[in-house]
């Protein structure tokens, strides 16, 4: 099968969880967020947030930078935002 098809399917599969969509939307709205800030915005436990951040980071959807001991997360693939917004706002 075509590599682009496999890649696209794997990205869509990664996006296929409501917590990950929520994380991406919150990071997009705020440009850059720490784990604690994401946890507070979504009201989800830190271990769960960290798990989903790891999945998103592994796929290259988000990236992080260090500020002291804190990791700050930002969107790496800007096209992901367009995909989510199209689907989110298309649902009635």
N, C-alpha and C. Protein backbone atom coordinates (compact mmCIF):
# COMPACT_ATOMS: atom_id res chain seq x y z
N UNK A 1 0.84 -1.18 0.00
CA UNK A 1 0.00 0.00 0.00
C UNK A 1 0.89 1.25 0.00
N UNK A 2 0.36 2.31 -0.50
CA UNK A 2 1.05 3.58 -0.62
C UNK A 2 1.45 4.12 0.76
N UNK A 3 2.71 4.59 0.87
CA UNK A 3 3.21 5.13 2.14
C UNK A 3 2.40 6.34 2.61
N UNK A 4 1.97 7.20 1.68
CA UNK A 4 1.18 8.37 2.06
C UNK A 4 -0.17 7.94 2.64
N UNK A 5 -0.76 6.90 2.08
CA UNK A 5 -2.03 6.39 2.60
C UNK A 5 -1.84 5.85 4.01
N UNK A 6 -0.78 5.09 4.22
CA UNK A 6 -0.50 4.54 5.56
C UNK A 6 -0.25 5.65 6.57
N UNK A 7 0.52 6.65 6.15
CA UNK A 7 0.82 7.77 7.04
C UNK A 7 -0.46 8.52 7.41
N UNK A 8 -1.27 8.82 6.42
CA UNK A 8 -2.52 9.55 6.67
C UNK A 8 -3.43 8.77 7.60
N UNK A 9 -3.56 7.48 7.36
CA UNK A 9 -4.40 6.64 8.21
C UNK A 9 -3.87 6.61 9.64
N UNK A 10 -2.56 6.55 9.81
CA UNK A 10 -2.00 6.49 11.17
C UNK A 10 -2.20 7.81 11.91
N UNK A 11 -2.12 8.94 11.21
CA UNK A 11 -2.37 10.24 11.84
C UNK A 11 -3.83 10.34 12.25
N UNK A 12 -4.74 9.94 11.35
CA UNK A 12 -6.17 10.00 11.68
C UNK A 12 -6.50 9.07 12.85
N UNK A 13 -5.86 7.93 12.89
CA UNK A 13 -6.06 7.00 14.01
C UNK A 13 -5.58 7.64 15.32
N UNK A 14 -4.46 8.32 15.27
CA UNK A 14 -3.93 9.01 16.45
C UNK A 14 -4.90 10.09 16.92
N UNK A 15 -5.53 10.77 15.99
CA UNK A 15 -6.48 11.82 16.33
C UNK A 15 -7.82 11.26 16.82
N UNK A 16 -8.00 9.97 16.69
CA UNK A 16 -9.29 9.34 16.97
C UNK A 16 -9.61 9.13 18.44
N UNK A 17 -9.18 10.01 19.30
CA UNK A 17 -9.52 9.91 20.72
C UNK A 17 -9.91 11.31 21.22
N UNK A 18 -11.04 11.43 21.91
CA UNK A 18 -11.50 12.76 22.33
C UNK A 18 -10.52 13.52 23.22
N UNK A 19 -9.78 12.83 24.05
CA UNK A 19 -8.80 13.53 24.90
C UNK A 19 -7.71 14.14 24.04
N UNK A 20 -7.23 13.41 23.04
CA UNK A 20 -6.18 13.95 22.17
C UNK A 20 -6.69 15.12 21.36
N UNK A 21 -7.92 15.05 20.88
CA UNK A 21 -8.51 16.19 20.16
C UNK A 21 -8.60 17.38 21.09
N UNK A 22 -9.05 17.16 22.32
CA UNK A 22 -9.13 18.24 23.30
C UNK A 22 -7.78 18.86 23.60
N UNK A 23 -6.77 18.03 23.74
CA UNK A 23 -5.41 18.54 23.99
C UNK A 23 -4.96 19.43 22.84
N UNK A 24 -5.14 18.95 21.62
CA UNK A 24 -4.72 19.72 20.45
C UNK A 24 -5.46 21.05 20.38
N UNK A 25 -6.77 21.03 20.63
CA UNK A 25 -7.56 22.27 20.57
C UNK A 25 -7.11 23.26 21.64
N UNK A 26 -6.84 22.78 22.85
CA UNK A 26 -6.40 23.68 23.92
C UNK A 26 -5.02 24.25 23.64
N UNK A 27 -4.13 23.42 23.13
CA UNK A 27 -2.79 23.94 22.79
C UNK A 27 -2.93 24.98 21.68
N UNK A 28 -3.75 24.69 20.69
CA UNK A 28 -3.95 25.64 19.59
C UNK A 28 -4.50 26.98 20.10
N UNK A 29 -5.48 26.92 20.99
CA UNK A 29 -6.10 28.15 21.52
C UNK A 29 -5.10 28.99 22.32
N UNK A 30 -4.16 28.30 23.00
CA UNK A 30 -3.23 29.00 23.90
C UNK A 30 -1.81 29.09 23.36
N UNK A 31 -1.55 28.48 22.21
CA UNK A 31 -0.26 28.48 21.52
C UNK A 31 0.79 27.57 22.16
N UNK A 32 0.90 27.60 23.47
CA UNK A 32 1.87 26.76 24.17
C UNK A 32 1.36 26.53 25.59
N UNK A 33 1.41 25.26 26.04
CA UNK A 33 0.89 24.93 27.37
C UNK A 33 1.77 23.88 28.05
N UNK A 34 1.78 23.94 29.38
CA UNK A 34 2.45 22.91 30.18
C UNK A 34 1.45 21.78 30.45
N UNK A 35 1.94 20.65 30.95
CA UNK A 35 1.06 19.53 31.31
C UNK A 35 0.04 19.98 32.34
N UNK A 36 0.49 20.74 33.34
CA UNK A 36 -0.40 21.22 34.40
C UNK A 36 -1.51 22.09 33.83
N UNK A 37 -1.16 22.97 32.92
CA UNK A 37 -2.17 23.85 32.32
C UNK A 37 -3.18 23.04 31.50
N UNK A 38 -2.71 22.06 30.75
CA UNK A 38 -3.61 21.20 29.97
C UNK A 38 -4.52 20.44 30.92
N UNK A 39 -3.95 19.90 31.98
CA UNK A 39 -4.70 19.15 32.98
C UNK A 39 -5.82 20.01 33.56
N UNK A 40 -5.51 21.24 33.91
CA UNK A 40 -6.50 22.14 34.49
C UNK A 40 -7.58 22.52 33.48
N UNK A 41 -7.20 22.76 32.25
CA UNK A 41 -8.17 23.15 31.22
C UNK A 41 -9.13 22.02 30.88
N UNK A 42 -8.63 20.80 30.87
CA UNK A 42 -9.46 19.66 30.48
C UNK A 42 -10.04 18.89 31.68
N UNK A 43 -9.55 19.22 32.88
CA UNK A 43 -9.99 18.54 34.10
C UNK A 43 -9.81 17.01 33.99
N UNK A 44 -8.62 16.64 33.58
CA UNK A 44 -8.24 15.22 33.43
C UNK A 44 -6.94 15.03 34.19
N UNK A 45 -6.75 13.86 34.78
CA UNK A 45 -5.57 13.62 35.62
C UNK A 45 -4.26 13.73 34.82
N UNK A 46 -3.22 14.12 35.51
CA UNK A 46 -1.90 14.33 34.90
C UNK A 46 -1.36 13.07 34.22
N UNK A 47 -1.47 11.88 34.83
CA UNK A 47 -0.95 10.70 34.14
C UNK A 47 -1.65 10.43 32.80
N UNK A 48 -2.95 10.67 32.76
CA UNK A 48 -3.71 10.47 31.51
C UNK A 48 -3.27 11.49 30.46
N UNK A 49 -3.14 12.73 30.87
CA UNK A 49 -2.68 13.78 29.95
C UNK A 49 -1.30 13.42 29.41
N UNK A 50 -0.40 13.02 30.30
CA UNK A 50 0.97 12.67 29.88
C UNK A 50 0.98 11.52 28.88
N UNK A 51 0.14 10.53 29.10
CA UNK A 51 0.04 9.41 28.17
C UNK A 51 -0.34 9.89 26.78
N UNK A 52 -1.37 10.72 26.70
CA UNK A 52 -1.85 11.20 25.40
C UNK A 52 -0.86 12.18 24.76
N UNK A 53 -0.20 12.99 25.57
CA UNK A 53 0.84 13.88 25.03
C UNK A 53 1.96 13.05 24.39
N UNK A 54 2.33 11.96 25.04
CA UNK A 54 3.37 11.09 24.50
C UNK A 54 2.98 10.51 23.16
N UNK A 55 1.74 10.10 23.01
CA UNK A 55 1.25 9.54 21.74
C UNK A 55 1.29 10.61 20.65
N UNK A 56 0.82 11.81 20.97
CA UNK A 56 0.81 12.91 20.00
C UNK A 56 2.23 13.33 19.61
N UNK A 57 3.11 13.33 20.59
CA UNK A 57 4.50 13.72 20.35
C UNK A 57 5.21 12.67 19.48
N UNK A 58 4.95 11.40 19.75
CA UNK A 58 5.57 10.32 18.98
C UNK A 58 5.21 10.40 17.50
N UNK A 59 3.99 10.84 17.20
CA UNK A 59 3.54 10.98 15.81
C UNK A 59 3.96 12.30 15.18
N UNK A 60 4.60 13.17 15.98
CA UNK A 60 5.07 14.45 15.44
C UNK A 60 3.98 15.50 15.31
N UNK A 61 2.83 15.26 15.94
CA UNK A 61 1.73 16.21 15.87
C UNK A 61 2.01 17.41 16.78
N UNK A 62 2.58 17.13 17.94
CA UNK A 62 3.00 18.19 18.85
C UNK A 62 4.49 18.02 19.13
N UNK A 63 5.06 19.06 19.70
CA UNK A 63 6.45 19.01 20.12
C UNK A 63 6.53 19.73 21.46
N UNK A 64 7.69 19.70 22.07
CA UNK A 64 7.84 20.37 23.36
C UNK A 64 9.19 21.03 23.47
N UNK A 65 9.24 22.00 24.36
CA UNK A 65 10.51 22.63 24.70
C UNK A 65 10.56 22.72 26.22
N UNK A 66 11.75 22.81 26.75
CA UNK A 66 11.94 22.86 28.20
C UNK A 66 12.08 24.31 28.66
N UNK A 67 11.43 24.59 29.78
CA UNK A 67 11.60 25.86 30.47
C UNK A 67 11.83 25.50 31.93
N UNK A 68 13.09 25.44 32.32
CA UNK A 68 13.43 24.92 33.64
C UNK A 68 13.10 23.44 33.68
N UNK A 69 12.31 23.03 34.64
CA UNK A 69 11.90 21.63 34.76
C UNK A 69 10.62 21.34 34.00
N UNK A 70 9.98 22.39 33.51
CA UNK A 70 8.70 22.25 32.84
C UNK A 70 8.84 21.99 31.34
N UNK A 71 8.01 21.10 30.83
CA UNK A 71 7.91 20.89 29.39
C UNK A 71 6.71 21.69 28.89
N UNK A 72 6.94 22.46 27.85
CA UNK A 72 5.88 23.26 27.24
C UNK A 72 5.57 22.68 25.87
N UNK A 73 4.30 22.44 25.61
CA UNK A 73 3.87 21.76 24.39
C UNK A 73 3.27 22.74 23.41
N UNK A 74 3.55 22.50 22.13
CA UNK A 74 3.02 23.33 21.05
C UNK A 74 2.74 22.45 19.84
N UNK A 75 1.91 22.95 18.94
CA UNK A 75 1.53 22.21 17.74
C UNK A 75 2.69 22.22 16.75
N UNK A 76 3.09 21.05 16.31
CA UNK A 76 4.17 20.91 15.33
C UNK A 76 3.59 20.88 13.91
N UNK A 77 2.51 20.13 13.71
CA UNK A 77 1.88 20.00 12.40
C UNK A 77 0.65 20.88 12.35
N UNK A 78 0.77 22.04 11.73
CA UNK A 78 -0.32 23.01 11.68
C UNK A 78 -1.52 22.49 10.89
N UNK A 79 -1.30 21.60 9.95
CA UNK A 79 -2.41 21.06 9.15
C UNK A 79 -3.39 20.27 10.00
N UNK A 80 -2.94 19.75 11.12
CA UNK A 80 -3.81 18.99 12.02
C UNK A 80 -4.94 19.87 12.54
N UNK A 81 -4.63 21.11 12.82
CA UNK A 81 -5.64 22.06 13.31
C UNK A 81 -6.75 22.21 12.28
N UNK A 82 -6.38 22.33 11.01
CA UNK A 82 -7.39 22.48 9.96
C UNK A 82 -8.29 21.25 9.90
N UNK A 83 -7.71 20.07 9.99
CA UNK A 83 -8.49 18.83 9.95
C UNK A 83 -9.49 18.80 11.11
N UNK A 84 -9.01 19.10 12.31
CA UNK A 84 -9.88 19.06 13.49
C UNK A 84 -10.98 20.11 13.39
N UNK A 85 -10.62 21.33 12.98
CA UNK A 85 -11.62 22.38 12.88
C UNK A 85 -12.69 22.05 11.84
N UNK A 86 -12.29 21.51 10.72
CA UNK A 86 -13.27 21.13 9.69
C UNK A 86 -14.25 20.10 10.25
N UNK A 87 -13.73 19.07 10.90
CA UNK A 87 -14.59 18.02 11.44
C UNK A 87 -15.42 18.53 12.62
N UNK A 88 -14.81 19.29 13.51
CA UNK A 88 -15.49 19.78 14.71
C UNK A 88 -16.64 20.71 14.35
N UNK A 89 -16.38 21.68 13.47
CA UNK A 89 -17.40 22.66 13.13
C UNK A 89 -18.38 22.15 12.10
N UNK A 90 -18.06 21.05 11.43
CA UNK A 90 -18.97 20.45 10.47
C UNK A 90 -20.03 19.60 11.17
N UNK A 91 -19.73 19.18 12.42
CA UNK A 91 -20.72 18.39 13.15
C UNK A 91 -21.74 19.35 13.76
N UNK A 92 -22.98 19.05 13.54
CA UNK A 92 -24.05 19.97 13.99
C UNK A 92 -24.14 19.93 15.44
